[in-house]
Amino acid sequence: MQKTPILHASRIFSAIAAALLLLVLTGCNLTITNLTPDTVPQNPSQIYTITASFRPSSRIITDSIQPRIVIDGQSYKMSKSAVTGDVWEFDYQLPAGRTNASYYFICNFKTEGQGDSLPQEVYSELQTMNIAGRYVIRSEATRAPVGSRVSVLGAGFTPQDVVYFDHTPTRTVYESPSSLSFFVPAVAPGRNYKISVMGSGANLDVGSFRVDAISFQVTPAALFLRTGEQQALTFTIPTPAPAGGMLIDVTTDVPASVIMPEVMVAAGQSSVTVPVQGGKAGTGSLFFKSSAGDSSVSITVTDK
């Protein structure tokens, strides 16, 4: 019975020792955070920088941290980033014909022990990087009035691509594999629309776009023409057209009676005059869409 207090004290000591050991192990953690996106834009050099944060706990000897990356079965040392001390990086040359890579991180370090440094090693989970050959970098603008021409920069564009405002297709101009432009359609002003690129490749989100109100005047209010005769029609907007010009959407219910060019107010100008030529005899209207509402000019064409 006299040994019982000693045995009890021994058990208490063992429990305290185990708790202290758990605290030491917990204090030795090093957190690895991959900072490389899952999908990165393709570049001509095919060299991609893989970055990760190696954040030590207070018990880790900072100067002992030695991160490595294992990729394609090879282990490489990583270099410390000039941005911050916790970030390390590695420039990876993607082999020809490859569009992805799998990799993981290993980090060796030492912790403060009782008189000695204790070596440690931790691993990250397996990571994947995909190379996107078709993507959007940015839209030239995020708001504009109806009719404005706006560019979209990216990669992998094709002549089949069309820019959409929500579900409304726009007049889209293919300029190159890295550039498209569209004309803001006559949709309701004062609200944001989701714009996207849809075509033969993967659909791409461009972002949010706000449509501003615009109005214009058209003179004269009525045209009386003979077949083959021309008359001038002038469109005036309240402010100079933005870069790329402003397209005015013109339709008619008597297409055989009206021959006229596209109506485009040049960049920096506030008006444009176009010739309207009479075709077959008929009576109808020209219709103009703007975010301030629809307007029209009556058309009468006679053959005498």
C-alpha atoms as a PDB file:
ATOM      1  CA  MET A   1       0.000   0.000   0.000  1.00  0.00           C
ATOM      2  CA  GLN A   2       2.952   2.292   0.518  1.00  0.00           C
ATOM      3  CA  LYS A   3       3.896   2.012  -3.186  1.00  0.00           C
ATOM      4  CA  THR A   4       0.564   3.354  -4.343  1.00  0.00           C
ATOM      5  CA  PRO A   5       1.437   7.107  -4.066  1.00  0.00           C
ATOM      6  CA  ILE A   6       4.686   6.468  -5.954  1.00  0.00           C
ATOM      7  CA  LEU A   7       2.851   4.587  -8.715  1.00  0.00           C
ATOM      8  CA  HIS A   8       0.243   7.349  -8.877  1.00  0.00           C
ATOM      9  CA  ALA A   9       2.958  10.017  -9.156  1.00  0.00           C
ATOM     10  CA  SER A  10       4.659   8.016 -11.908  1.00  0.00           C
ATOM     11  CA  ARG A  11       1.438   7.959 -13.930  1.00  0.00           C
ATOM     12  CA  ILE A  12       0.976  11.706 -13.482  1.00  0.00           C
ATOM     13  CA  PHE A  13       4.558  12.339 -14.630  1.00  0.00           C
ATOM     14  CA  SER A  14       4.063  10.153 -17.715  1.00  0.00           C
ATOM     15  CA  ALA A  15       0.893  12.069 -18.645  1.00  0.00           C
ATOM     16  CA  ILE A  16       2.641  15.421 -18.229  1.00  0.00           C
ATOM     17  CA  ALA A  17       5.603  14.224 -20.305  1.00  0.00           C
ATOM     18  CA  ALA A  18       3.284  13.054 -23.098  1.00  0.00           C
ATOM     19  CA  ALA A  19       1.473  16.389 -23.096  1.00  0.00           C
ATOM     20  CA  LEU A  20       4.775  18.274 -23.292  1.00  0.00           C
ATOM     21  CA  LEU A  21       5.929  16.072 -26.192  1.00  0.00           C
ATOM     22  CA  LEU A  22       2.656  16.799 -28.037  1.00  0.00           C
ATOM     23  CA  LEU A  23       3.198  20.535 -27.555  1.00  0.00           C
ATOM     24  CA  VAL A  24       6.752  20.253 -28.898  1.00  0.00           C
ATOM     25  CA  LEU A  25       5.615  18.343 -31.993  1.00  0.00           C
ATOM     26  CA  THR A  26       2.773  20.788 -32.591  1.00  0.00           C
ATOM     27  CA  GLY A  27       5.194  23.708 -32.266  1.00  0.00           C
ATOM     28  CA  CYS A  28       7.461  22.177 -34.944  1.00  0.00           C
ATOM     29  CA  ASN A  29       4.890  22.474 -37.758  1.00  0.00           C
ATOM     30  CA  LEU A  30       5.802  24.068 -41.085  1.00  0.00           C
ATOM     31  CA  THR A  31       2.835  25.067 -43.264  1.00  0.00           C
ATOM     32  CA  ILE A  32       3.200  24.645 -47.051  1.00  0.00           C
ATOM     33  CA  THR A  33       0.773  26.658 -49.191  1.00  0.00           C
ATOM     34  CA  ASN A  34       0.836  26.355 -52.977  1.00  0.00           C
ATOM     35  CA  LEU A  35       0.496  29.841 -54.531  1.00  0.00           C
ATOM     36  CA  THR A  36       0.427  28.657 -58.159  1.00  0.00           C
ATOM     37  CA  PRO A  37      -3.014  28.738 -59.871  1.00  0.00           C
ATOM     38  CA  ASP A  38      -4.467  25.440 -61.075  1.00  0.00           C
ATOM     39  CA  THR A  39      -4.743  26.969 -64.563  1.00  0.00           C
ATOM     40  CA  VAL A  40      -2.203  29.410 -66.003  1.00  0.00           C
ATOM     41  CA  PRO A  41      -2.142  31.203 -69.383  1.00  0.00           C
ATOM     42  CA  GLN A  42       0.081  29.758 -72.071  1.00  0.00           C
ATOM     43  CA  ASN A  43       3.167  31.794 -72.928  1.00  0.00           C
ATOM     44  CA  PRO A  44       5.580  31.593 -75.893  1.00  0.00           C
ATOM     45  CA  SER A  45       8.606  30.572 -73.816  1.00  0.00           C
ATOM     46  CA  GLN A  46       6.715  27.703 -72.143  1.00  0.00           C
ATOM     47  CA  ILE A  47       8.459  28.568 -68.846  1.00  0.00           C
ATOM     48  CA  TYR A  48       6.165  28.767 -65.831  1.00  0.00           C
ATOM     49  CA  THR A  49       7.028  29.975 -62.325  1.00  0.00           C
ATOM     50  CA  ILE A  50       5.734  27.701 -59.568  1.00  0.00           C
ATOM     51  CA  THR A  51       5.572  29.409 -56.185  1.00  0.00           C
ATOM     52  CA  ALA A  52       4.747  28.263 -52.664  1.00  0.00           C
ATOM     53  CA  SER A  53       4.795  29.642 -49.148  1.00  0.00           C
ATOM     54  CA  PHE A  54       6.758  27.758 -46.481  1.00  0.00           C
ATOM     55  CA  ARG A  55       5.660  29.313 -43.191  1.00  0.00           C
ATOM     56  CA  PRO A  56       7.478  28.038 -40.097  1.00  0.00           C
ATOM     57  CA  SER A  57       6.348  27.906 -36.493  1.00  0.00           C
ATOM     58  CA  SER A  58       8.339  29.654 -33.777  1.00  0.00           C
ATOM     59  CA  ARG A  59      10.428  26.544 -32.941  1.00  0.00           C
ATOM     60  CA  ILE A  60      11.777  26.084 -36.482  1.00  0.00           C
ATOM     61  CA  ILE A  61      15.219  27.496 -37.299  1.00  0.00           C
ATOM     62  CA  THR A  62      14.392  29.811 -40.217  1.00  0.00           C
ATOM     63  CA  ASP A  63      17.818  29.613 -41.866  1.00  0.00           C
ATOM     64  CA  SER A  64      17.567  25.823 -42.004  1.00  0.00           C
ATOM     65  CA  ILE A  65      14.504  25.770 -44.309  1.00  0.00           C
ATOM     66  CA  GLN A  66      15.369  24.050 -47.611  1.00  0.00           C
ATOM     67  CA  PRO A  67      12.346  23.702 -49.946  1.00  0.00           C
ATOM     68  CA  ARG A  68      12.420  21.477 -53.000  1.00  0.00           C
ATOM     69  CA  ILE A  69       9.938  20.649 -55.740  1.00  0.00           C
ATOM     70  CA  VAL A  70       9.502  17.190 -57.229  1.00  0.00           C
ATOM     71  CA  ILE A  71       8.219  17.390 -60.802  1.00  0.00           C
ATOM     72  CA  ASP A  72       8.472  14.848 -63.624  1.00  0.00           C
ATOM     73  CA  GLY A  73      10.182  12.512 -61.174  1.00  0.00           C
ATOM     74  CA  GLN A  74      13.058  14.949 -60.584  1.00  0.00           C
ATOM     75  CA  SER A  75      13.801  16.910 -57.429  1.00  0.00           C
ATOM     76  CA  TYR A  76      14.886  20.560 -57.758  1.00  0.00           C
ATOM     77  CA  LYS A  77      15.925  23.195 -55.250  1.00  0.00           C
ATOM     78  CA  MET A  78      13.653  26.221 -55.011  1.00  0.00           C
ATOM     79  CA  SER A  79      14.857  29.833 -54.828  1.00  0.00           C
ATOM     80  CA  LYS A  80      13.705  32.353 -52.245  1.00  0.00           C
ATOM     81  CA  SER A  81      11.468  35.031 -53.728  1.00  0.00           C
ATOM     82  CA  ALA A  82      12.503  38.667 -53.495  1.00  0.00           C
ATOM     83  CA  VAL A  83       8.908  39.545 -52.525  1.00  0.00           C
ATOM     84  CA  THR A  84       8.803  37.978 -49.055  1.00  0.00           C
ATOM     85  CA  GLY A  85      10.909  35.593 -47.044  1.00  0.00           C
ATOM     86  CA  ASP A  86       8.250  32.869 -46.766  1.00  0.00           C
ATOM     87  CA  VAL A  87       7.773  32.508 -50.537  1.00  0.00           C
ATOM     88  CA  TRP A  88       9.966  30.268 -52.692  1.00  0.00           C
ATOM     89  CA  GLU A  89       9.817  29.687 -56.446  1.00  0.00           C
ATOM     90  CA  PHE A  90      10.978  27.460 -59.281  1.00  0.00           C
ATOM     91  CA  ASP A  91      10.986  28.170 -63.044  1.00  0.00           C
ATOM     92  CA  TYR A  92       9.684  25.099 -64.862  1.00  0.00           C
ATOM     93  CA  GLN A  93      10.305  24.511 -68.570  1.00  0.00           C
ATOM     94  CA  LEU A  94       7.259  22.615 -69.829  1.00  0.00           C
ATOM     95  CA  PRO A  95       8.253  19.901 -72.340  1.00  0.00           C
ATOM     96  CA  ALA A  96       6.998  20.323 -75.911  1.00  0.00           C
ATOM     97  CA  GLY A  97       3.479  19.014 -76.468  1.00  0.00           C
ATOM     98  CA  ARG A  98       2.561  19.046 -72.779  1.00  0.00           C
ATOM     99  CA  THR A  99      -0.380  21.039 -71.420  1.00  0.00           C
ATOM    100  CA  ASN A 100      -0.146  20.106 -67.724  1.00  0.00           C
ATOM    101  CA  ALA A 101       2.222  19.087 -64.975  1.00  0.00           C
ATOM    102  CA  SER A 102       1.935  17.349 -61.598  1.00  0.00           C
ATOM    103  CA  TYR A 103       4.248  18.132 -58.713  1.00  0.00           C
ATOM    104  CA  TYR A 104       4.631  18.275 -54.950  1.00  0.00           C
ATOM    105  CA  PHE A 105       6.848  20.066 -52.451  1.00  0.00           C
ATOM    106  CA  ILE A 106       9.343  18.707 -49.890  1.00  0.00           C
ATOM    107  CA  CYS A 107      10.867  20.852 -47.197  1.00  0.00           C
ATOM    108  CA  ASN A 108      13.755  19.946 -44.914  1.00  0.00           C
ATOM    109  CA  PHE A 109      14.356  22.048 -41.799  1.00  0.00           C
ATOM    110  CA  LYS A 110      15.684  21.914 -38.264  1.00  0.00           C
ATOM    111  CA  THR A 111      13.963  22.629 -34.988  1.00  0.00           C
ATOM    112  CA  GLU A 112      15.335  23.875 -31.700  1.00  0.00           C
ATOM    113  CA  GLY A 113      16.029  20.991 -29.342  1.00  0.00           C
ATOM    114  CA  GLN A 114      17.659  20.666 -25.942  1.00  0.00           C
ATOM    115  CA  GLY A 115      21.197  21.584 -27.006  1.00  0.00           C
ATOM    116  CA  ASP A 116      20.826  20.089 -30.482  1.00  0.00           C
ATOM    117  CA  SER A 117      19.010  20.870 -33.766  1.00  0.00           C
ATOM    118  CA  LEU A 118      16.550  18.183 -34.737  1.00  0.00           C
ATOM    119  CA  PRO A 119      16.224  17.531 -38.522  1.00  0.00           C
ATOM    120  CA  GLN A 120      12.673  17.366 -39.890  1.00  0.00           C
ATOM    121  CA  GLU A 121      11.021  16.830 -43.299  1.00  0.00           C
ATOM    122  CA  VAL A 122       7.488  17.553 -44.523  1.00  0.00           C
ATOM    123  CA  TYR A 123       5.675  16.899 -47.798  1.00  0.00           C
ATOM    124  CA  SER A 124       2.800  18.655 -49.532  1.00  0.00           C
ATOM    125  CA  GLU A 125      -0.100  17.004 -51.303  1.00  0.00           C
ATOM    126  CA  LEU A 126       0.142  16.362 -55.063  1.00  0.00           C
ATOM    127  CA  GLN A 127      -0.563  19.520 -57.084  1.00  0.00           C
ATOM    128  CA  THR A 128      -1.585  19.982 -60.744  1.00  0.00           C
ATOM    129  CA  MET A 129      -0.955  22.883 -63.129  1.00  0.00           C
ATOM    130  CA  ASN A 130      -2.908  23.131 -66.399  1.00  0.00           C
ATOM    131  CA  ILE A 131      -1.847  25.355 -69.292  1.00  0.00           C
ATOM    132  CA  ALA A 132      -4.695  27.277 -70.950  1.00  0.00           C
ATOM    133  CA  GLY A 133      -4.271  28.027 -74.650  1.00  0.00           C
ATOM    134  CA  ARG A 134      -7.632  29.836 -74.817  1.00  0.00           C
ATOM    135  CA  TYR A 135      -8.365  32.510 -72.245  1.00  0.00           C
ATOM    136  CA  VAL A 136      -9.400  36.114 -71.628  1.00  0.00           C
ATOM    137  CA  ILE A 137      -6.952  38.617 -70.146  1.00  0.00           C
ATOM    138  CA  ARG A 138      -9.266  41.602 -69.887  1.00  0.00           C
ATOM    139  CA  SER A 139     -11.876  43.742 -71.571  1.00  0.00           C
ATOM    140  CA  GLU A 140     -10.746  47.183 -72.757  1.00  0.00           C
ATOM    141  CA  ALA A 141     -13.639  48.763 -70.833  1.00  0.00           C
ATOM    142  CA  THR A 142     -16.199  47.684 -68.249  1.00  0.00           C
ATOM    143  CA  ARG A 143     -18.907  50.196 -69.194  1.00  0.00           C
ATOM    144  CA  ALA A 144     -19.965  52.108 -72.318  1.00  0.00           C
ATOM    145  CA  PRO A 145     -23.090  53.333 -74.129  1.00  0.00           C
ATOM    146  CA  VAL A 146     -24.950  51.353 -76.783  1.00  0.00           C
ATOM    147  CA  GLY A 147     -23.070  51.181 -80.085  1.00  0.00           C
ATOM    148  CA  SER A 148     -19.597  51.595 -78.603  1.00  0.00           C
ATOM    149  CA  ARG A 149     -16.831  49.348 -79.900  1.00  0.00           C
ATOM    150  CA  VAL A 150     -14.908  47.559 -77.142  1.00  0.00           C
ATOM    151  CA  SER A 151     -11.877  45.266 -77.443  1.00  0.00           C
ATOM    152  CA  VAL A 152     -11.276  42.014 -75.582  1.00  0.00           C
ATOM    153  CA  LEU A 153      -7.701  40.757 -75.166  1.00  0.00           C
ATOM    154  CA  GLY A 154      -6.774  37.128 -74.625  1.00  0.00           C
ATOM    155  CA  ALA A 155      -5.593  34.087 -76.566  1.00  0.00           C
ATOM    156  CA  GLY A 156      -7.042  31.286 -78.671  1.00  0.00           C
ATOM    157  CA  PHE A 157      -9.787  33.386 -80.313  1.00  0.00           C
ATOM    158  CA  THR A 158     -11.260  32.182 -83.619  1.00  0.00           C
ATOM    159  CA  PRO A 159     -13.377  33.794 -86.373  1.00  0.00           C
ATOM    160  CA  GLN A 160     -16.341  31.767 -85.074  1.00  0.00           C
ATOM    161  CA  ASP A 161     -16.319  33.496 -81.664  1.00  0.00           C
ATOM    162  CA  VAL A 162     -19.226  35.741 -80.688  1.00  0.00           C
ATOM    163  CA  VAL A 163     -19.412  37.991 -77.625  1.00  0.00           C
ATOM    164  CA  TYR A 164     -22.672  37.686 -75.660  1.00  0.00           C
ATOM    165  CA  PHE A 165     -24.357  40.080 -73.213  1.00  0.00           C
ATOM    166  CA  ASP A 166     -26.133  37.581 -70.987  1.00  0.00           C
ATOM    167  CA  HIS A 167     -27.991  35.716 -73.762  1.00  0.00           C
ATOM    168  CA  THR A 168     -27.873  38.529 -76.358  1.00  0.00           C
ATOM    169  CA  PRO A 169     -25.295  38.089 -79.151  1.00  0.00           C
ATOM    170  CA  THR A 170     -23.366  41.169 -80.224  1.00  0.00           C
ATOM    171  CA  ARG A 171     -21.822  42.183 -83.494  1.00  0.00           C
ATOM    172  CA  THR A 172     -18.326  40.732 -82.993  1.00  0.00           C
ATOM    173  CA  VAL A 173     -15.190  41.459 -85.029  1.00  0.00           C
ATOM    174  CA  TYR A 174     -12.366  38.893 -85.092  1.00  0.00           C
ATOM    175  CA  GLU A 175      -9.086  40.816 -85.167  1.00  0.00           C
ATOM    176  CA  SER A 176      -6.490  38.148 -84.302  1.00  0.00           C
ATOM    177  CA  PRO A 177      -6.081  35.040 -82.116  1.00  0.00           C
ATOM    178  CA  SER A 178      -5.358  37.456 -79.250  1.00  0.00           C
ATOM    179  CA  SER A 179      -7.972  40.149 -79.890  1.00  0.00           C
ATOM    180  CA  LEU A 180     -11.710  40.471 -80.490  1.00  0.00           C
ATOM    181  CA  SER A 181     -13.931  43.528 -80.480  1.00  0.00           C
ATOM    182  CA  PHE A 182     -17.687  43.881 -80.066  1.00  0.00           C
ATOM    183  CA  PHE A 183     -20.297  46.605 -80.348  1.00  0.00           C
ATOM    184  CA  VAL A 184     -22.436  47.176 -77.261  1.00  0.00           C
ATOM    185  CA  PRO A 185     -25.937  45.985 -78.225  1.00  0.00           C
ATOM    186  CA  ALA A 186     -29.131  47.990 -77.746  1.00  0.00           C
ATOM    187  CA  VAL A 187     -30.052  46.537 -74.355  1.00  0.00           C
ATOM    188  CA  ALA A 188     -31.643  48.220 -71.344  1.00  0.00           C
ATOM    189  CA  PRO A 189     -29.282  50.809 -69.827  1.00  0.00           C
ATOM    190  CA  GLY A 190     -28.343  51.360 -66.206  1.00  0.00           C
ATOM    191  CA  ARG A 191     -27.595  47.752 -65.337  1.00  0.00           C
ATOM    192  CA  ASN A 192     -24.753  45.234 -65.441  1.00  0.00           C
ATOM    193  CA  TYR A 193     -24.535  42.359 -67.904  1.00  0.00           C
ATOM    194  CA  LYS A 194     -22.419  39.235 -67.865  1.00  0.00           C
ATOM    195  CA  ILE A 195     -20.319  39.136 -71.022  1.00  0.00           C
ATOM    196  CA  SER A 196     -18.786  35.976 -72.401  1.00  0.00           C
ATOM    197  CA  VAL A 197     -17.087  34.667 -75.540  1.00  0.00           C
ATOM    198  CA  MET A 198     -18.727  31.661 -77.181  1.00  0.00           C
ATOM    199  CA  GLY A 199     -17.495  29.870 -80.272  1.00  0.00           C
ATOM    200  CA  SER A 200     -15.767  26.744 -81.516  1.00  0.00           C
ATOM    201  CA  GLY A 201     -13.605  26.445 -78.377  1.00  0.00           C
ATOM    202  CA  ALA A 202     -14.354  26.538 -74.674  1.00  0.00           C
ATOM    203  CA  ASN A 203     -16.737  29.307 -73.572  1.00  0.00           C
ATOM    204  CA  LEU A 204     -14.921  32.118 -71.767  1.00  0.00           C
ATOM    205  CA  ASP A 205     -16.158  34.510 -69.079  1.00  0.00           C
ATOM    206  CA  VAL A 206     -15.080  38.108 -69.718  1.00  0.00           C
ATOM    207  CA  GLY A 207     -16.678  39.735 -66.684  1.00  0.00           C
ATOM    208  CA  SER A 208     -19.352  42.269 -65.824  1.00  0.00           C
ATOM    209  CA  PHE A 209     -20.221  45.158 -68.171  1.00  0.00           C
ATOM    210  CA  ARG A 210     -22.436  48.165 -67.462  1.00  0.00           C
ATOM    211  CA  VAL A 211     -24.440  49.763 -70.269  1.00  0.00           C
ATOM    212  CA  ASP A 212     -24.957  53.528 -70.119  1.00  0.00           C
ATOM    213  CA  ALA A 213     -27.826  55.482 -71.667  1.00  0.00           C
ATOM    214  CA  ILE A 214     -27.282  57.294 -74.974  1.00  0.00           C
ATOM    215  CA  SER A 215     -29.645  59.140 -77.299  1.00  0.00           C
ATOM    216  CA  PHE A 216     -29.278  60.674 -80.748  1.00  0.00           C
ATOM    217  CA  GLN A 217     -31.145  62.910 -83.134  1.00  0.00           C
ATOM    218  CA  VAL A 218     -31.917  62.057 -86.740  1.00  0.00           C
ATOM    219  CA  THR A 219     -32.714  64.644 -89.409  1.00  0.00           C
ATOM    220  CA  PRO A 220     -34.808  64.940 -91.439  1.00  0.00           C
ATOM    221  CA  ALA A 221     -37.738  63.127 -89.801  1.00  0.00           C
ATOM    222  CA  ALA A 222     -39.092  61.903 -93.157  1.00  0.00           C
ATOM    223  CA  LEU A 223     -37.610  60.985 -96.551  1.00  0.00           C
ATOM    224  CA  PHE A 224     -39.446  61.227 -99.870  1.00  0.00           C
ATOM    225  CA  LEU A 225     -37.460  59.618-102.684  1.00  0.00           C
ATOM    226  CA  ARG A 226     -37.817  58.413-106.227  1.00  0.00           C
ATOM    227  CA  THR A 227     -36.257  55.129-107.253  1.00  0.00           C
ATOM    228  CA  GLY A 228     -32.507  55.717-107.712  1.00  0.00           C
ATOM    229  CA  GLU A 229     -32.598  59.133-106.017  1.00  0.00           C
ATOM    230  CA  GLN A 230     -30.422  59.913-102.948  1.00  0.00           C
ATOM    231  CA  GLN A 231     -31.012  62.060 -99.899  1.00  0.00           C
ATOM    232  CA  ALA A 232     -28.755  62.784 -96.887  1.00  0.00           C
ATOM    233  CA  LEU A 233     -29.632  61.572 -93.398  1.00  0.00           C
ATOM    234  CA  THR A 234     -27.727  63.018 -90.414  1.00  0.00           C
ATOM    235  CA  PHE A 235     -27.249  61.345 -87.023  1.00  0.00           C
ATOM    236  CA  THR A 236     -26.102  63.461 -84.070  1.00  0.00           C
ATOM    237  CA  ILE A 237     -25.036  62.178 -80.633  1.00  0.00           C
ATOM    238  CA  PRO A 238     -24.676  64.386 -77.514  1.00  0.00           C
ATOM    239  CA  THR A 239     -20.977  63.654 -76.885  1.00  0.00           C
ATOM    240  CA  PRO A 240     -18.049  62.678 -79.152  1.00  0.00           C
ATOM    241  CA  ALA A 241     -17.900  58.990 -80.030  1.00  0.00           C
ATOM    242  CA  PRO A 242     -15.425  56.908 -78.010  1.00  0.00           C
ATOM    243  CA  ALA A 243     -12.342  55.186 -79.419  1.00  0.00           C
ATOM    244  CA  GLY A 244     -13.421  52.662 -82.022  1.00  0.00           C
ATOM    245  CA  GLY A 245     -16.418  54.797 -83.013  1.00  0.00           C
ATOM    246  CA  MET A 246     -20.113  54.313 -82.311  1.00  0.00           C
ATOM    247  CA  LEU A 247     -22.312  52.022 -84.380  1.00  0.00           C
ATOM    248  CA  ILE A 248     -25.976  53.033 -84.733  1.00  0.00           C
ATOM    249  CA  ASP A 249     -28.303  50.103 -85.234  1.00  0.00           C
ATOM    250  CA  VAL A 250     -30.587  50.779 -88.218  1.00  0.00           C
ATOM    251  CA  THR A 251     -33.341  48.444 -89.443  1.00  0.00           C
ATOM    252  CA  THR A 252     -36.259  48.873 -91.823  1.00  0.00           C
ATOM    253  CA  ASP A 253     -39.554  47.220 -92.652  1.00  0.00           C
ATOM    254  CA  VAL A 254     -39.079  47.987 -96.369  1.00  0.00           C
ATOM    255  CA  PRO A 255     -35.604  46.596 -97.105  1.00  0.00           C
ATOM    256  CA  ALA A 256     -36.161  46.503-100.863  1.00  0.00           C
ATOM    257  CA  SER A 257     -36.902  50.247-100.863  1.00  0.00           C
ATOM    258  CA  VAL A 258     -33.821  51.458 -98.952  1.00  0.00           C
ATOM    259  CA  ILE A 259     -30.165  51.347 -99.976  1.00  0.00           C
ATOM    260  CA  MET A 260     -27.818  52.878 -97.389  1.00  0.00           C
ATOM    261  CA  PRO A 261     -24.398  52.225 -95.801  1.00  0.00           C
ATOM    262  CA  GLU A 262     -23.655  51.260 -92.243  1.00  0.00           C
ATOM    263  CA  VAL A 263     -24.076  54.166 -89.823  1.00  0.00           C
ATOM    264  CA  MET A 264     -20.882  54.667 -87.830  1.00  0.00           C
ATOM    265  CA  VAL A 265     -19.980  57.852 -85.957  1.00  0.00           C
ATOM    266  CA  ALA A 266     -16.186  58.094 -86.118  1.00  0.00           C
ATOM    267  CA  ALA A 267     -14.137  58.291 -82.904  1.00  0.00           C
ATOM    268  CA  GLY A 268     -14.059  61.837 -81.562  1.00  0.00           C
ATOM    269  CA  GLN A 269     -16.933  62.970 -83.793  1.00  0.00           C
ATOM    270  CA  SER A 270     -20.479  63.795 -82.686  1.00  0.00           C
ATOM    271  CA  SER A 271     -22.326  63.369 -85.998  1.00  0.00           C
ATOM    272  CA  VAL A 272     -22.305  61.488 -89.270  1.00  0.00           C
ATOM    273  CA  THR A 273     -24.205  62.006 -92.513  1.00  0.00           C
ATOM    274  CA  VAL A 274     -25.009  59.066 -94.773  1.00  0.00           C
ATOM    275  CA  PRO A 275     -26.719  58.879 -98.183  1.00  0.00           C
ATOM    276  CA  VAL A 276     -30.037  57.029 -98.437  1.00  0.00           C
ATOM    277  CA  GLN A 277     -30.993  55.828-101.908  1.00  0.00           C
ATOM    278  CA  GLY A 278     -34.441  54.820-103.013  1.00  0.00           C
ATOM    279  CA  GLY A 279     -34.916  51.288-104.284  1.00  0.00           C
ATOM    280  CA  LYS A 280     -38.247  49.723-105.183  1.00  0.00           C
ATOM    281  CA  ALA A 281     -41.353  51.783-104.631  1.00  0.00           C
ATOM    282  CA  GLY A 282     -42.751  51.382-101.115  1.00  0.00           C
ATOM    283  CA  THR A 283     -43.724  53.047 -97.874  1.00  0.00           C
ATOM    284  CA  GLY A 284     -42.313  52.242 -94.443  1.00  0.00           C
ATOM    285  CA  SER A 285     -39.804  53.408 -91.859  1.00  0.00           C
ATOM    286  CA  LEU A 286     -36.198  53.309 -90.745  1.00  0.00           C
ATOM    287  CA  PHE A 287     -35.898  52.248 -87.103  1.00  0.00           C
ATOM    288  CA  PHE A 288     -33.079  53.257 -84.765  1.00  0.00           C
ATOM    289  CA  LYS A 289     -32.342  51.580 -81.440  1.00  0.00           C
ATOM    290  CA  SER A 290     -30.730  53.392 -78.547  1.00  0.00           C
ATOM    291  CA  SER A 291     -30.732  52.833 -74.801  1.00  0.00           C
ATOM    292  CA  ALA A 292     -32.963  55.891 -74.444  1.00  0.00           C
ATOM    293  CA  GLY A 293     -35.655  54.273 -76.573  1.00  0.00           C
ATOM    294  CA  ASP A 294     -36.487  53.507 -80.184  1.00  0.00           C
ATOM    295  CA  SER A 295     -37.112  56.170 -82.819  1.00  0.00           C
ATOM    296  CA  SER A 296     -37.861  56.142 -86.541  1.00  0.00           C
ATOM    297  CA  VAL A 297     -37.845  58.087 -89.790  1.00  0.00           C
ATOM    298  CA  SER A 298     -40.629  57.522 -92.293  1.00  0.00           C
ATOM    299  CA  ILE A 299     -39.648  56.478 -95.815  1.00  0.00           C
ATOM    300  CA  THR A 300     -41.691  56.940 -99.010  1.00  0.00           C
ATOM    301  CA  VAL A 301     -40.212  55.746-102.307  1.00  0.00           C
ATOM    302  CA  THR A 302     -42.033  56.257-105.610  1.00  0.00           C
ATOM    303  CA  ASP A 303     -41.091  55.070-109.081  1.00  0.00           C
ATOM    304  CA  LYS A 304     -42.086  58.363-110.707  1.00  0.00           C
END
